Amino acid sequence: MEHLRFPRFAEEASAECRYAWIEARILELAECFAVSVYAYAVMNNHYHIILHVDPAAVHDLSDEEVASRWLTAFPGSLKHDSSDEAVERMMLAITGNPERLAELRKRLGSLSWFMKALNEPIARRANREDNCTHGRSFRRRFFRLRENGTSCTPCAGKFWESRFKCQALLEEQAVLSCMAA
């Protein structure tokens, strides 16, 4: 598969950073969710990812492991206070609530939650970087250029065009074919 370069514009370093954001987030989430990442490719305005989702794998995890993985993927207030006391308090809140724990197990085995955890933080970060202040998340396309081709247009369209699209690869040959493309 030929790697497509990011568009050339004044924020070329920004474009390269966004590529790195997506790659880092994919690898981080692969450690949290019940998925195996087989391959991924980040292009200038979208990405492709080949995964295997195994919802049953989360049932083998301890309650503490489920809580730890969830807080890694969705740190919430721990982004601002990651002290040992705050982490312990959040862990106890999760492990002490069987209904919540069951829901988090289900989410850690969900493709939809994986994609949400991948796309939303990247869109929010790009919106902050681009000074998109309309109060809406996902407002810009991945790397949209002004007509003069020199810089990004703030708040011009959605960051991600749609939620996500997926195609089940039911045979090993289909998986290998997609990975080779």
C-alpha atoms as a PDB file:
ATOM      1  CA  MET A   1       0.000   0.000   0.000  1.00  0.00           C
ATOM      2  CA  GLU A   2       1.397   3.340  -0.991  1.00  0.00           C
ATOM      3  CA  HIS A   3       1.619   5.804   1.881  1.00  0.00           C
ATOM      4  CA  LEU A   4      -0.102   9.083   1.062  1.00  0.00           C
ATOM      5  CA  ARG A   5       1.633  12.205   2.347  1.00  0.00           C
ATOM      6  CA  PHE A   6      -0.103  14.869   4.334  1.00  0.00           C
ATOM      7  CA  PRO A   7      -0.982  18.049   2.444  1.00  0.00           C
ATOM      8  CA  ARG A   8       1.722  20.709   2.412  1.00  0.00           C
ATOM      9  CA  PHE A   9       0.738  23.861   4.238  1.00  0.00           C
ATOM     10  CA  ALA A  10       2.032  26.196   6.911  1.00  0.00           C
ATOM     11  CA  GLU A  11       1.076  23.798   9.709  1.00  0.00           C
ATOM     12  CA  GLU A  12       2.892  20.810   8.151  1.00  0.00           C
ATOM     13  CA  ALA A  13       4.301  19.992  11.583  1.00  0.00           C
ATOM     14  CA  SER A  14       0.734  20.055  12.895  1.00  0.00           C
ATOM     15  CA  ALA A  15      -0.316  17.569  10.228  1.00  0.00           C
ATOM     16  CA  GLU A  16       2.533  15.251  11.162  1.00  0.00           C
ATOM     17  CA  CYS A  17       1.557  15.597  14.838  1.00  0.00           C
ATOM     18  CA  ARG A  18      -2.013  14.590  14.069  1.00  0.00           C
ATOM     19  CA  TYR A  19      -0.751  11.492  12.315  1.00  0.00           C
ATOM     20  CA  ALA A  20       1.199  10.670  15.476  1.00  0.00           C
ATOM     21  CA  TRP A  21      -1.855  11.379  17.685  1.00  0.00           C
ATOM     22  CA  ILE A  22      -3.883   8.747  15.838  1.00  0.00           C
ATOM     23  CA  GLU A  23      -1.102   6.171  15.849  1.00  0.00           C
ATOM     24  CA  ALA A  24      -0.389   6.655  19.560  1.00  0.00           C
ATOM     25  CA  ARG A  25      -4.076   6.488  20.467  1.00  0.00           C
ATOM     26  CA  ILE A  26      -4.612   3.277  18.460  1.00  0.00           C
ATOM     27  CA  LEU A  27      -1.717   1.597  20.252  1.00  0.00           C
ATOM     28  CA  GLU A  28      -2.826   2.884  23.678  1.00  0.00           C
ATOM     29  CA  LEU A  29      -6.401   1.683  23.221  1.00  0.00           C
ATOM     30  CA  ALA A  30      -5.284  -1.729  21.946  1.00  0.00           C
ATOM     31  CA  GLU A  31      -3.928  -2.308  25.464  1.00  0.00           C
ATOM     32  CA  CYS A  32      -7.250  -1.319  27.061  1.00  0.00           C
ATOM     33  CA  PHE A  33      -9.935  -2.852  24.867  1.00  0.00           C
ATOM     34  CA  ALA A  34     -10.516  -6.492  23.918  1.00  0.00           C
ATOM     35  CA  VAL A  35      -9.143  -5.925  20.435  1.00  0.00           C
ATOM     36  CA  SER A  36      -6.150  -7.025  18.441  1.00  0.00           C
ATOM     37  CA  VAL A  37      -4.861  -4.445  15.971  1.00  0.00           C
ATOM     38  CA  TYR A  38      -3.702  -6.249  12.830  1.00  0.00           C
ATOM     39  CA  ALA A  39      -2.884  -3.193  10.718  1.00  0.00           C
ATOM     40  CA  TYR A  40      -3.639   0.486  10.290  1.00  0.00           C
ATOM     41  CA  ALA A  41      -2.886   3.229   7.811  1.00  0.00           C
ATOM     42  CA  VAL A  42      -3.329   6.944   8.428  1.00  0.00           C
ATOM     43  CA  MET A  43      -3.918   9.014   5.312  1.00  0.00           C
ATOM     44  CA  ASN A  44      -4.222  12.783   4.946  1.00  0.00           C
ATOM     45  CA  ASN A  45      -7.962  12.900   5.693  1.00  0.00           C
ATOM     46  CA  HIS A  46      -8.909   9.511   7.144  1.00  0.00           C
ATOM     47  CA  TYR A  47      -7.499   6.255   8.411  1.00  0.00           C
ATOM     48  CA  HIS A  48      -8.064   2.534   7.972  1.00  0.00           C
ATOM     49  CA  ILE A  49      -7.716   0.037  10.773  1.00  0.00           C
ATOM     50  CA  ILE A  50      -8.003  -3.737  10.758  1.00  0.00           C
ATOM     51  CA  LEU A  51      -8.937  -5.181  14.133  1.00  0.00           C
ATOM     52  CA  HIS A  52     -10.208  -8.316  15.718  1.00  0.00           C
ATOM     53  CA  VAL A  53     -12.734  -7.635  18.471  1.00  0.00           C
ATOM     54  CA  ASP A  54     -13.108 -10.351  21.121  1.00  0.00           C
ATOM     55  CA  PRO A  55     -15.846  -9.350  23.603  1.00  0.00           C
ATOM     56  CA  ALA A  56     -15.463 -12.633  25.506  1.00  0.00           C
ATOM     57  CA  ALA A  57     -11.858 -11.785  26.427  1.00  0.00           C
ATOM     58  CA  VAL A  58     -13.002  -9.147  28.938  1.00  0.00           C
ATOM     59  CA  HIS A  59     -14.803 -11.741  31.034  1.00  0.00           C
ATOM     60  CA  ASP A  60     -11.450 -13.282  31.968  1.00  0.00           C
ATOM     61  CA  LEU A  61     -10.170  -9.978  33.394  1.00  0.00           C
ATOM     62  CA  SER A  62     -10.240  -9.252  37.118  1.00  0.00           C
ATOM     63  CA  ASP A  63     -12.431  -6.420  38.373  1.00  0.00           C
ATOM     64  CA  GLU A  64      -9.318  -4.356  39.099  1.00  0.00           C
ATOM     65  CA  GLU A  65      -7.996  -4.913  35.580  1.00  0.00           C
ATOM     66  CA  VAL A  66     -11.316  -3.803  34.058  1.00  0.00           C
ATOM     67  CA  ALA A  67     -11.267  -0.642  36.197  1.00  0.00           C
ATOM     68  CA  SER A  68      -7.629   0.057  35.366  1.00  0.00           C
ATOM     69  CA  ARG A  69      -8.162  -0.386  31.624  1.00  0.00           C
ATOM     70  CA  TRP A  70     -11.270   1.808  31.682  1.00  0.00           C
ATOM     71  CA  LEU A  71      -9.469   4.592  33.532  1.00  0.00           C
ATOM     72  CA  THR A  72      -6.592   4.411  31.059  1.00  0.00           C
ATOM     73  CA  ALA A  73      -8.957   4.789  28.102  1.00  0.00           C
ATOM     74  CA  PHE A  74     -11.256   7.318  29.805  1.00  0.00           C
ATOM     75  CA  PRO A  75      -9.266   9.040  32.581  1.00  0.00           C
ATOM     76  CA  GLY A  76     -11.900  11.682  33.320  1.00  0.00           C
ATOM     77  CA  SER A  77     -10.826  13.753  36.311  1.00  0.00           C
ATOM     78  CA  LEU A  78      -7.582  11.758  36.558  1.00  0.00           C
ATOM     79  CA  LYS A  79      -6.251  13.883  33.679  1.00  0.00           C
ATOM     80  CA  HIS A  80      -6.022  16.742  36.160  1.00  0.00           C
ATOM     81  CA  ASP A  81      -5.342  14.820  39.372  1.00  0.00           C
ATOM     82  CA  SER A  82      -3.531  11.520  38.952  1.00  0.00           C
ATOM     83  CA  SER A  83      -2.435  11.239  42.558  1.00  0.00           C
ATOM     84  CA  ASP A  84      -2.457   7.790  44.152  1.00  0.00           C
ATOM     85  CA  GLU A  85      -5.454   8.776  46.289  1.00  0.00           C
ATOM     86  CA  ALA A  86      -7.488   9.916  43.268  1.00  0.00           C
ATOM     87  CA  VAL A  87      -6.672   6.739  41.335  1.00  0.00           C
ATOM     88  CA  GLU A  88      -7.560   4.559  44.328  1.00  0.00           C
ATOM     89  CA  ARG A  89     -10.832   6.432  44.826  1.00  0.00           C
ATOM     90  CA  MET A  90     -11.816   5.967  41.164  1.00  0.00           C
ATOM     91  CA  MET A  91     -10.811   2.294  41.211  1.00  0.00           C
ATOM     92  CA  LEU A  92     -12.926   1.669  44.316  1.00  0.00           C
ATOM     93  CA  ALA A  93     -15.884   3.507  42.797  1.00  0.00           C
ATOM     94  CA  ILE A  94     -15.786   1.172  39.803  1.00  0.00           C
ATOM     95  CA  THR A  95     -14.979  -2.118  41.538  1.00  0.00           C
ATOM     96  CA  GLY A  96     -17.519  -1.430  44.310  1.00  0.00           C
ATOM     97  CA  ASN A  97     -20.402  -1.128  41.834  1.00  0.00           C
ATOM     98  CA  PRO A  98     -21.220  -4.501  40.176  1.00  0.00           C
ATOM     99  CA  GLU A  99     -23.667  -2.952  37.676  1.00  0.00           C
ATOM    100  CA  ARG A 100     -21.120  -0.369  36.547  1.00  0.00           C
ATOM    101  CA  LEU A 101     -18.421  -3.019  36.341  1.00  0.00           C
ATOM    102  CA  ALA A 102     -20.628  -5.214  34.121  1.00  0.00           C
ATOM    103  CA  GLU A 103     -21.329  -2.237  31.848  1.00  0.00           C
ATOM    104  CA  LEU A 104     -17.614  -1.400  31.568  1.00  0.00           C
ATOM    105  CA  ARG A 105     -16.781  -5.016  30.706  1.00  0.00           C
ATOM    106  CA  LYS A 106     -19.331  -4.815  27.904  1.00  0.00           C
ATOM    107  CA  ARG A 107     -17.905  -1.502  26.663  1.00  0.00           C
ATOM    108  CA  LEU A 108     -14.297  -2.752  26.696  1.00  0.00           C
ATOM    109  CA  GLY A 109     -15.415  -5.493  24.289  1.00  0.00           C
ATOM    110  CA  SER A 110     -17.292  -3.121  21.978  1.00  0.00           C
ATOM    111  CA  LEU A 111     -16.117  -1.882  18.580  1.00  0.00           C
ATOM    112  CA  SER A 112     -18.320   1.222  18.924  1.00  0.00           C
ATOM    113  CA  TRP A 113     -16.729   2.196  22.233  1.00  0.00           C
ATOM    114  CA  PHE A 114     -13.254   1.562  20.824  1.00  0.00           C
ATOM    115  CA  MET A 115     -13.970   3.902  17.917  1.00  0.00           C
ATOM    116  CA  LYS A 116     -15.464   6.537  20.235  1.00  0.00           C
ATOM    117  CA  ALA A 117     -12.371   6.360  22.445  1.00  0.00           C
ATOM    118  CA  LEU A 118     -10.178   6.711  19.363  1.00  0.00           C
ATOM    119  CA  ASN A 119     -11.966   9.484  17.478  1.00  0.00           C
ATOM    120  CA  GLU A 120     -13.396  11.821  20.103  1.00  0.00           C
ATOM    121  CA  PRO A 121     -10.205  12.869  21.948  1.00  0.00           C
ATOM    122  CA  ILE A 122      -8.404  13.458  18.644  1.00  0.00           C
ATOM    123  CA  ALA A 123     -11.236  15.651  17.349  1.00  0.00           C
ATOM    124  CA  ARG A 124     -11.392  17.633  20.601  1.00  0.00           C
ATOM    125  CA  ARG A 125      -7.616  18.135  20.612  1.00  0.00           C
ATOM    126  CA  ALA A 126      -7.630  19.296  16.976  1.00  0.00           C
ATOM    127  CA  ASN A 127     -10.528  21.658  17.699  1.00  0.00           C
ATOM    128  CA  ARG A 128      -8.557  23.202  20.588  1.00  0.00           C
ATOM    129  CA  GLU A 129      -5.446  23.503  18.420  1.00  0.00           C
ATOM    130  CA  ASP A 130      -7.463  25.136  15.612  1.00  0.00           C
ATOM    131  CA  ASN A 131      -9.287  27.482  18.011  1.00  0.00           C
ATOM    132  CA  CYS A 132     -12.671  26.085  17.044  1.00  0.00           C
ATOM    133  CA  THR A 133     -14.895  27.833  19.566  1.00  0.00           C
ATOM    134  CA  HIS A 134     -18.413  27.068  18.343  1.00  0.00           C
ATOM    135  CA  GLY A 135     -18.919  24.681  21.253  1.00  0.00           C
ATOM    136  CA  ARG A 136     -19.262  21.670  19.003  1.00  0.00           C
ATOM    137  CA  SER A 137     -17.010  18.672  18.895  1.00  0.00           C
ATOM    138  CA  PHE A 138     -16.054  17.101  15.560  1.00  0.00           C
ATOM    139  CA  ARG A 139     -16.443  20.423  13.687  1.00  0.00           C
ATOM    140  CA  ARG A 140     -13.436  20.196  11.316  1.00  0.00           C
ATOM    141  CA  ARG A 141     -12.389  17.780   8.686  1.00  0.00           C
ATOM    142  CA  PHE A 142      -9.071  16.103   9.399  1.00  0.00           C
ATOM    143  CA  PHE A 143      -6.817  18.559   7.509  1.00  0.00           C
ATOM    144  CA  ARG A 144      -8.895  21.121   5.577  1.00  0.00           C
ATOM    145  CA  LEU A 145      -7.032  23.856   3.697  1.00  0.00           C
ATOM    146  CA  ARG A 146      -7.982  27.427   2.951  1.00  0.00           C
ATOM    147  CA  GLU A 147      -8.309  28.320  -0.685  1.00  0.00           C
ATOM    148  CA  ASN A 148      -4.773  29.714  -0.695  1.00  0.00           C
ATOM    149  CA  GLY A 149      -3.500  26.351   0.605  1.00  0.00           C
ATOM    150  CA  THR A 150      -1.465  27.885   3.393  1.00  0.00           C
ATOM    151  CA  SER A 151      -3.365  27.207   6.597  1.00  0.00           C
ATOM    152  CA  CYS A 152      -6.304  25.465   8.166  1.00  0.00           C
ATOM    153  CA  THR A 153      -9.798  26.921   8.043  1.00  0.00           C
ATOM    154  CA  PRO A 154     -11.174  27.036  11.595  1.00  0.00           C
ATOM    155  CA  CYS A 155     -14.552  25.374  12.063  1.00  0.00           C
ATOM    156  CA  ALA A 156     -15.057  24.499   8.399  1.00  0.00           C
ATOM    157  CA  GLY A 157     -17.117  21.327   8.445  1.00  0.00           C
ATOM    158  CA  LYS A 158     -16.886  18.264  10.624  1.00  0.00           C
ATOM    159  CA  PHE A 159     -13.591  16.844  11.816  1.00  0.00           C
ATOM    160  CA  TRP A 160     -14.761  13.295  11.088  1.00  0.00           C
ATOM    161  CA  GLU A 161     -17.214  13.031   8.217  1.00  0.00           C
ATOM    162  CA  SER A 162     -19.201  10.260   9.885  1.00  0.00           C
ATOM    163  CA  ARG A 163     -19.147   8.105  12.985  1.00  0.00           C
ATOM    164  CA  PHE A 164     -17.266   5.247  11.358  1.00  0.00           C
ATOM    165  CA  LYS A 165     -17.794   2.638   8.699  1.00  0.00           C
ATOM    166  CA  CYS A 166     -16.855  -0.980   9.113  1.00  0.00           C
ATOM    167  CA  GLN A 167     -16.757  -4.108   7.038  1.00  0.00           C
ATOM    168  CA  ALA A 168     -16.636  -7.578   8.566  1.00  0.00           C
ATOM    169  CA  LEU A 169     -13.762  -9.654   7.228  1.00  0.00           C
ATOM    170  CA  LEU A 170     -15.081 -13.169   7.706  1.00  0.00           C
ATOM    171  CA  GLU A 171     -12.278 -15.190   6.151  1.00  0.00           C
ATOM    172  CA  GLU A 172      -8.561 -15.215   6.789  1.00  0.00           C
ATOM    173  CA  GLN A 173      -7.935 -14.512   3.100  1.00  0.00           C
ATOM    174  CA  ALA A 174     -10.021 -11.313   3.337  1.00  0.00           C
ATOM    175  CA  VAL A 175      -7.992 -10.118   6.322  1.00  0.00           C
ATOM    176  CA  LEU A 176      -4.701 -10.836   4.561  1.00  0.00           C
ATOM    177  CA  SER A 177      -5.917  -9.150   1.385  1.00  0.00           C
ATOM    178  CA  CYS A 178      -6.850  -5.964   3.259  1.00  0.00           C
ATOM    179  CA  MET A 179      -3.559  -5.938   5.129  1.00  0.00           C
ATOM    180  CA  ALA A 180      -1.613  -6.258   1.873  1.00  0.00           C
ATOM    181  CA  ALA A 181      -3.484  -3.444   0.109  1.00  0.00           C
END
